[in-house]
Amino acid sequence: MADPAALAARLPRGAGVIYRGFGRSESLMEAQQLARVARAEGLVLLIGLDARLAARVGAHGVHLPERLAHLAPRLRRRRPGWIITVAAHNPTALGRAARFGADAALLSAVFPSRSPSAGRPLGVVRFAAMTRKARLPVVALGGIKPGNIRRLCHSGAAGVAAIDGLRT
């Protein structure tokens, strides 16, 4: 995304942003810009995987990849006020996220997505079934666009997350 801060500034108050800098040279600068926008616009800022960067820029917490859900308890002890979310792609991962004390999980991919980690889409029915059994709030991710978001209204989703859907 060319200018994540400009996109974040267009989001409604209370929306969340997950910044995934993953060690790129510009990640500190971009995260600082996002933190300024988040404070000014009333957004929640989570940093993907990098707790040090999250602390440095004053983010609200972190978003962990599915394989690192086990880090949530340690992060919670160090930063009890942080929001901790975890990526999930199946019921087992949702269970792990809950067991490790995540505040929410982002379950993907609901619809076809260009993301390299998306895999086969779950579809609304499977997404809803997994969400009903989950022991934590579940946010829908993957292929979310203005044209299909209404299909999730009765799915039990705690919210929706989008990447490409914000560009359309």
Protein backbone atom coordinates (compact mmCIF):
# COMPACT_ATOMS: atom_id res chain seq x y z
CA MET A 1 0.00 0.00 0.00
CA ALA A 2 1.61 3.24 -1.12
CA ASP A 3 0.36 5.53 1.66
CA PRO A 4 -1.14 3.64 4.61
CA ALA A 5 -1.49 6.80 6.72
CA ALA A 6 -3.65 8.51 4.08
CA LEU A 7 -5.89 5.45 3.85
CA ALA A 8 -6.14 5.21 7.64
CA ALA A 9 -7.19 8.87 7.84
CA ARG A 10 -10.29 7.98 5.77
CA LEU A 11 -11.47 5.28 8.19
CA PRO A 12 -14.30 5.91 10.65
CA ARG A 13 -13.54 6.67 14.29
CA GLY A 14 -13.10 3.46 16.26
CA ALA A 15 -11.85 1.43 13.27
CA GLY A 16 -8.68 -0.58 13.63
CA VAL A 17 -5.54 -0.65 11.54
CA ILE A 18 -3.03 -3.47 11.49
CA TYR A 19 0.34 -2.31 10.22
CA ARG A 20 2.58 -5.06 8.89
CA GLY A 21 6.03 -3.54 8.39
CA PHE A 22 7.95 -6.80 8.94
CA GLY A 23 11.35 -5.15 9.39
CA ARG A 24 11.36 -3.06 6.23
CA SER A 25 13.61 -0.01 6.46
CA GLU A 26 10.65 2.38 6.30
CA SER A 27 8.57 0.55 8.91
CA LEU A 28 9.44 2.86 11.82
CA MET A 29 8.56 5.98 9.83
CA GLU A 30 5.31 4.48 8.50
CA ALA A 31 4.31 3.17 11.94
CA GLN A 32 4.96 6.59 13.49
CA GLN A 33 2.79 8.23 10.82
CA LEU A 34 0.03 5.70 11.43
CA ALA A 35 0.26 6.24 15.19
CA ARG A 36 -0.20 10.00 14.70
CA VAL A 37 -3.21 9.42 12.44
CA ALA A 38 -4.65 6.84 14.87
CA ARG A 39 -4.44 9.30 17.78
CA ALA A 40 -5.90 12.17 15.74
CA GLU A 41 -8.73 10.12 14.20
CA GLY A 42 -9.62 7.86 17.15
CA LEU A 43 -8.40 4.65 15.50
CA VAL A 44 -6.98 1.52 17.09
CA LEU A 45 -3.47 0.70 15.84
CA LEU A 46 -2.02 -2.78 16.05
CA ILE A 47 1.43 -3.69 14.78
CA GLY A 48 1.90 -7.02 13.05
CA LEU A 49 4.31 -9.29 14.93
CA ASP A 50 6.68 -6.56 16.16
CA ALA A 51 6.06 -5.81 19.86
CA ARG A 52 9.10 -3.53 20.04
CA LEU A 53 7.82 -1.38 17.20
CA ALA A 54 4.35 -1.36 18.77
CA ALA A 55 5.77 -0.10 22.06
CA ARG A 56 8.02 2.44 20.35
CA VAL A 57 5.18 4.12 18.45
CA GLY A 58 2.59 3.80 21.21
CA ALA A 59 0.35 1.35 19.36
CA HIS A 60 -2.65 -0.22 21.09
CA GLY A 61 -1.25 -3.72 20.68
CA VAL A 62 -0.08 -6.40 18.29
CA HIS A 63 -1.42 -8.82 15.71
CA LEU A 64 0.26 -12.23 15.66
CA PRO A 65 0.50 -14.74 12.85
CA GLU A 66 -1.29 -18.04 13.48
CA ARG A 67 1.95 -19.93 14.10
CA LEU A 68 2.93 -17.52 16.91
CA ALA A 69 -0.32 -17.48 18.89
CA HIS A 70 1.60 -19.01 21.80
CA LEU A 71 3.35 -15.64 22.31
CA ALA A 72 0.11 -13.98 23.43
CA PRO A 73 0.43 -14.84 27.17
CA ARG A 74 3.96 -13.45 27.39
CA LEU A 75 2.93 -10.27 25.58
CA ARG A 76 -0.10 -9.96 27.88
CA ARG A 77 2.13 -10.18 30.97
CA ARG A 78 4.49 -7.51 29.61
CA ARG A 79 1.75 -5.22 28.29
CA PRO A 80 -1.52 -5.98 30.13
CA GLY A 81 -3.40 -3.14 28.45
CA TRP A 82 -2.58 -4.18 24.91
CA ILE A 83 -5.03 -5.62 22.42
CA ILE A 84 -3.70 -8.89 21.03
CA THR A 85 -5.19 -10.43 17.92
CA VAL A 86 -4.17 -13.59 16.10
CA ALA A 87 -4.56 -14.76 12.52
CA ALA A 88 -6.50 -18.00 12.04
CA HIS A 89 -7.38 -20.13 9.04
CA ASN A 90 -9.22 -23.07 10.62
CA PRO A 91 -11.07 -24.16 13.79
CA THR A 92 -7.89 -25.49 15.42
CA ALA A 93 -6.21 -22.11 15.06
CA LEU A 94 -9.29 -20.38 16.49
CA GLY A 95 -9.12 -22.68 19.49
CA ARG A 96 -5.41 -21.96 19.99
CA ALA A 97 -6.01 -18.21 19.79
CA ALA A 98 -8.67 -18.47 22.49
CA ARG A 99 -6.59 -20.80 24.66
CA PHE A 100 -3.62 -18.42 24.53
CA GLY A 101 -5.81 -15.48 25.55
CA ALA A 102 -6.06 -13.47 22.34
CA ASP A 103 -8.66 -10.72 22.38
CA ALA A 104 -9.86 -11.65 18.89
CA ALA A 105 -8.94 -13.70 15.85
CA LEU A 106 -8.97 -12.67 12.20
CA LEU A 107 -10.34 -15.69 10.33
CA SER A 108 -9.55 -15.94 6.63
CA ALA A 109 -10.17 -16.26 3.88
CA VAL A 110 -13.92 -15.86 3.80
CA PHE A 111 -14.13 -14.99 0.11
CA PRO A 112 -11.61 -15.47 -2.74
CA SER A 113 -8.58 -13.32 -2.06
CA ARG A 114 -5.32 -12.40 -3.76
CA SER A 115 -3.41 -12.78 -0.49
CA PRO A 116 -0.64 -15.40 -0.68
CA SER A 117 -1.77 -16.86 2.67
CA ALA A 118 -5.48 -16.94 1.78
CA GLY A 119 -5.88 -20.53 0.64
CA ARG A 120 -9.28 -21.89 -0.38
CA PRO A 121 -12.12 -19.56 0.66
CA LEU A 122 -14.23 -20.71 3.60
CA GLY A 123 -17.47 -19.20 2.34
CA VAL A 124 -20.07 -17.59 4.56
CA VAL A 125 -21.64 -20.83 5.84
CA ARG A 126 -18.34 -22.38 7.01
CA PHE A 127 -17.16 -19.04 8.38
CA ALA A 128 -20.38 -18.68 10.41
CA ALA A 129 -20.14 -22.25 11.73
CA MET A 130 -16.56 -21.67 12.90
CA THR A 131 -17.45 -18.31 14.42
CA ARG A 132 -20.35 -19.79 16.42
CA LYS A 133 -18.02 -22.39 17.97
CA ALA A 134 -15.16 -19.98 18.66
CA ARG A 135 -14.49 -18.90 22.23
CA LEU A 136 -13.39 -15.40 21.25
CA PRO A 137 -14.57 -12.65 18.89
CA VAL A 138 -13.88 -13.46 15.25
CA VAL A 139 -13.23 -10.85 12.57
CA ALA A 140 -13.85 -11.80 8.93
CA LEU A 141 -10.92 -11.34 6.54
CA GLY A 142 -10.22 -12.31 2.98
CA GLY A 143 -11.89 -10.96 -0.09
CA ILE A 144 -14.02 -8.51 1.91
CA LYS A 145 -15.41 -5.84 -0.41
CA PRO A 146 -18.34 -3.43 -0.37
CA GLY A 147 -20.24 -5.81 -2.65
CA ASN A 148 -20.10 -8.84 -0.36
CA ILE A 149 -19.92 -7.46 3.17
CA ARG A 150 -23.70 -7.71 3.71
CA ARG A 151 -23.49 -11.47 3.27
CA LEU A 152 -21.74 -11.55 6.67
CA CYS A 153 -24.51 -9.76 8.60
CA HIS A 154 -25.81 -12.90 10.35
CA SER A 155 -22.54 -14.81 10.45
CA GLY A 156 -21.60 -13.91 14.01
CA ALA A 157 -18.58 -11.90 12.85
CA ALA A 158 -17.42 -9.36 15.43
CA GLY A 159 -16.24 -7.21 12.53
CA VAL A 160 -14.65 -7.25 9.13
CA ALA A 161 -11.14 -6.55 7.94
CA ALA A 162 -10.11 -5.64 4.42
CA ILE A 163 -7.03 -4.86 2.42
CA ASP A 164 -7.92 -4.71 -1.28
CA GLY A 165 -11.55 -3.97 -0.38
CA LEU A 166 -10.48 -0.57 0.94
CA ARG A 167 -9.01 0.37 -2.42
CA THR A 168 -12.19 -0.23 -4.42
